[in-house]
């Protein structure tokens, strides 16, 4: 899900269970997973539909705040 879509849906009152997980392709990076009801889940992606990854958790937390996300669960 692209940033603009996350902001729009969050602004419309849709809430996600937000998870921060290690990137399976590079365990030194982190990715964001949004889970919705009915088992649907989405990764945060860029405009090219590529999964966004973050090398540092502080960058990722800043991104979550900019998206309006108030809480997230971190999985090691």
Protein backbone atom coordinates (compact mmCIF):
# COMPACT_ATOMS: atom_id res chain seq x y z
CA UNK A 1 0.00 0.00 0.00
CA UNK A 2 1.40 3.37 -0.98
CA UNK A 3 1.91 6.19 1.54
CA UNK A 4 -0.91 8.30 0.09
CA UNK A 5 -3.32 5.36 0.36
CA UNK A 6 -2.36 4.73 3.98
CA UNK A 7 -2.90 8.40 4.87
CA UNK A 8 -6.23 8.52 3.03
CA UNK A 9 -7.60 5.35 4.60
CA UNK A 10 -6.36 6.33 8.04
CA UNK A 11 -7.98 9.75 7.62
CA UNK A 12 -11.26 8.04 6.70
CA UNK A 13 -11.16 6.19 10.02
CA UNK A 14 -9.83 2.86 8.80
CA UNK A 15 -7.40 1.41 11.29
CA UNK A 16 -4.73 -1.18 10.68
CA UNK A 17 -2.85 -3.52 12.95
CA UNK A 18 0.62 -2.26 12.15
CA UNK A 19 3.59 -4.59 12.43
CA UNK A 20 7.30 -3.92 12.03
CA UNK A 21 9.19 -7.00 10.87
CA UNK A 22 12.69 -7.86 9.73
CA UNK A 23 13.04 -7.84 5.97
CA UNK A 24 13.33 -11.51 4.92
CA UNK A 25 15.59 -10.50 2.00
CA UNK A 26 17.95 -8.54 4.29
CA UNK A 27 17.57 -9.12 8.03
CA UNK A 28 19.49 -5.89 8.75
CA UNK A 29 16.51 -3.91 7.42
CA UNK A 30 12.93 -3.44 8.62
CA UNK A 31 9.64 -3.34 6.72
CA UNK A 32 6.09 -2.27 7.64
CA UNK A 33 3.14 -4.64 7.39
CA UNK A 34 -0.45 -3.40 7.72
CA UNK A 35 -3.08 -5.99 8.62
CA UNK A 36 -6.80 -5.49 8.09
CA UNK A 37 -9.79 -7.57 9.00
CA UNK A 38 -10.53 -10.75 7.04
CA UNK A 39 -6.87 -11.71 6.88
CA UNK A 40 -5.81 -9.08 4.36
CA UNK A 41 -2.38 -7.55 4.76
CA UNK A 42 -0.32 -4.99 2.89
CA UNK A 43 3.30 -3.88 2.91
CA UNK A 44 4.26 -0.23 2.69
CA UNK A 45 5.41 0.24 -0.92
CA UNK A 46 6.87 3.11 -2.94
CA UNK A 47 5.46 4.54 -6.18
CA UNK A 48 7.05 1.67 -8.13
CA UNK A 49 5.17 -0.89 -5.98
CA UNK A 50 8.46 -2.00 -4.36
CA UNK A 51 8.42 -2.78 -0.65
CA UNK A 52 9.93 0.03 1.39
CA UNK A 53 12.68 -1.02 3.77
CA UNK A 54 14.41 0.91 6.52
CA UNK A 55 17.95 0.42 7.78
CA UNK A 56 17.23 2.03 11.16
CA UNK A 57 14.20 1.81 13.39
CA UNK A 58 14.26 5.54 14.10
CA UNK A 59 13.69 6.20 10.38
CA UNK A 60 10.85 3.71 10.35
CA UNK A 61 9.21 5.25 13.43
CA UNK A 62 9.44 8.70 11.85
CA UNK A 63 7.70 7.30 8.77
CA UNK A 64 4.92 5.75 10.88
CA UNK A 65 4.33 9.06 12.64
CA UNK A 66 4.13 10.90 9.31
CA UNK A 67 1.54 8.36 8.16
CA UNK A 68 -0.54 9.02 11.30
CA UNK A 69 0.06 5.60 12.84
CA UNK A 70 -0.04 5.78 16.64
CA UNK A 71 1.17 2.28 17.56
CA UNK A 72 2.90 -0.70 16.04
CA UNK A 73 4.02 -4.14 17.11
CA UNK A 74 7.68 -5.00 16.53
CA UNK A 75 8.66 -8.56 15.62
CA UNK A 76 12.29 -9.60 15.93
